[in-house]
Amino acid sequence: MEREEVIEKVIAVIRDVMDVAQVEIDEDTERQEDLSIDSLDFYSLLGALESNFHIRMPEKELANTETVGDVADAVMRRMEK
């Protein structure tokens, strides 16, 4: 899967998990500042990413991401394992 495809799918997962339908999301959107992901959203997002991409991702790896692009990169690293 190409990076752009992963980014699009990550954005779709974020839109599905969170109430951000009116927010413009791209790879530079900041997970915390722009999307205001709280702890419940964080764990919902983590579970949805694992389910949608058929991966296992440690909490710390997702917590270390800042942007949607960083999340996509973390997903891609997990898909390679």
Protein backbone atom coordinates (compact mmCIF):
# COMPACT_ATOMS: atom_id res chain seq x y z
CA MET A 1 0.00 0.00 0.00
CA GLU A 2 1.37 3.41 -0.99
CA ARG A 3 1.78 6.19 1.58
CA GLU A 4 -0.99 8.33 0.03
CA GLU A 5 -3.41 5.40 0.31
CA VAL A 6 -2.45 4.90 3.95
CA ILE A 7 -2.93 8.62 4.68
CA GLU A 8 -6.39 8.58 3.07
CA LYS A 9 -7.37 5.49 5.06
CA VAL A 10 -6.01 6.99 8.31
CA ILE A 11 -8.07 10.13 7.66
CA ALA A 12 -11.15 7.97 7.04
CA VAL A 13 -10.54 6.11 10.32
CA ILE A 14 -10.14 9.40 12.20
CA ARG A 15 -13.40 10.72 10.71
CA ASP A 16 -15.15 7.46 11.63
CA VAL A 17 -13.89 7.38 15.22
CA MET A 18 -14.14 11.07 16.06
CA ASP A 19 -16.70 13.82 15.56
CA VAL A 20 -14.60 15.84 13.12
CA ALA A 21 -16.77 15.86 10.00
CA GLN A 22 -16.41 19.63 9.58
CA VAL A 23 -12.64 19.72 10.19
CA GLU A 24 -10.29 19.72 7.20
CA ILE A 25 -7.80 16.90 7.71
CA ASP A 26 -4.62 16.29 5.73
CA GLU A 27 -1.23 14.78 6.46
CA ASP A 28 -0.06 17.94 8.27
CA THR A 29 -3.06 18.06 10.61
CA GLU A 30 -1.78 17.82 14.18
CA ARG A 31 -3.25 14.96 16.17
CA GLN A 32 -3.43 16.84 19.46
CA GLU A 33 -3.65 20.53 18.55
CA ASP A 34 -6.00 20.38 15.56
CA LEU A 35 -8.05 17.30 16.43
CA SER A 36 -8.02 17.62 20.26
CA ILE A 37 -7.78 13.86 20.76
CA ASP A 38 -8.47 13.05 24.42
CA SER A 39 -7.56 9.78 26.13
CA LEU A 40 -10.82 8.03 25.17
CA ASP A 41 -10.44 9.15 21.54
CA PHE A 42 -6.80 8.01 21.63
CA TYR A 43 -7.70 4.44 22.58
CA SER A 44 -10.63 4.37 20.14
CA LEU A 45 -8.31 5.55 17.37
CA LEU A 46 -5.64 3.01 18.32
CA GLY A 47 -8.15 0.15 18.20
CA ALA A 48 -9.64 1.35 14.92
CA LEU A 49 -6.21 1.64 13.29
CA GLU A 50 -5.28 -1.85 14.44
CA SER A 51 -8.57 -3.24 13.14
CA ASN A 52 -8.62 -1.43 9.81
CA PHE A 53 -4.97 -2.07 8.95
CA HIS A 54 -4.71 -5.53 10.59
CA ILE A 55 -1.73 -4.49 12.69
CA ARG A 56 -0.70 -4.31 16.34
CA MET A 57 0.60 -0.92 17.45
CA PRO A 58 2.01 -0.17 20.89
CA GLU A 59 0.33 2.77 22.62
CA LYS A 60 3.68 4.52 22.91
CA GLU A 61 4.21 4.44 19.14
CA LEU A 62 0.91 6.20 18.47
CA ALA A 63 1.51 8.59 21.39
CA ASN A 64 4.82 9.65 19.80
CA THR A 65 3.09 10.87 16.63
CA GLU A 66 2.26 14.52 16.10
CA THR A 67 0.58 14.71 12.71
CA VAL A 68 -1.71 12.55 10.61
CA GLY A 69 1.30 11.92 8.36
CA ASP A 70 3.25 10.64 11.39
CA VAL A 71 0.36 8.29 12.20
CA ALA A 72 0.38 7.02 8.61
CA ASP A 73 4.14 6.45 8.78
CA ALA A 74 3.75 4.52 12.05
CA VAL A 75 1.02 2.40 10.45
CA MET A 76 3.25 1.69 7.45
CA ARG A 77 6.12 0.59 9.70
CA ARG A 78 3.75 -1.82 11.47
CA MET A 79 2.44 -3.15 8.15
CA GLU A 80 6.01 -4.01 7.12
CA LYS A 81 6.56 -6.22 10.18
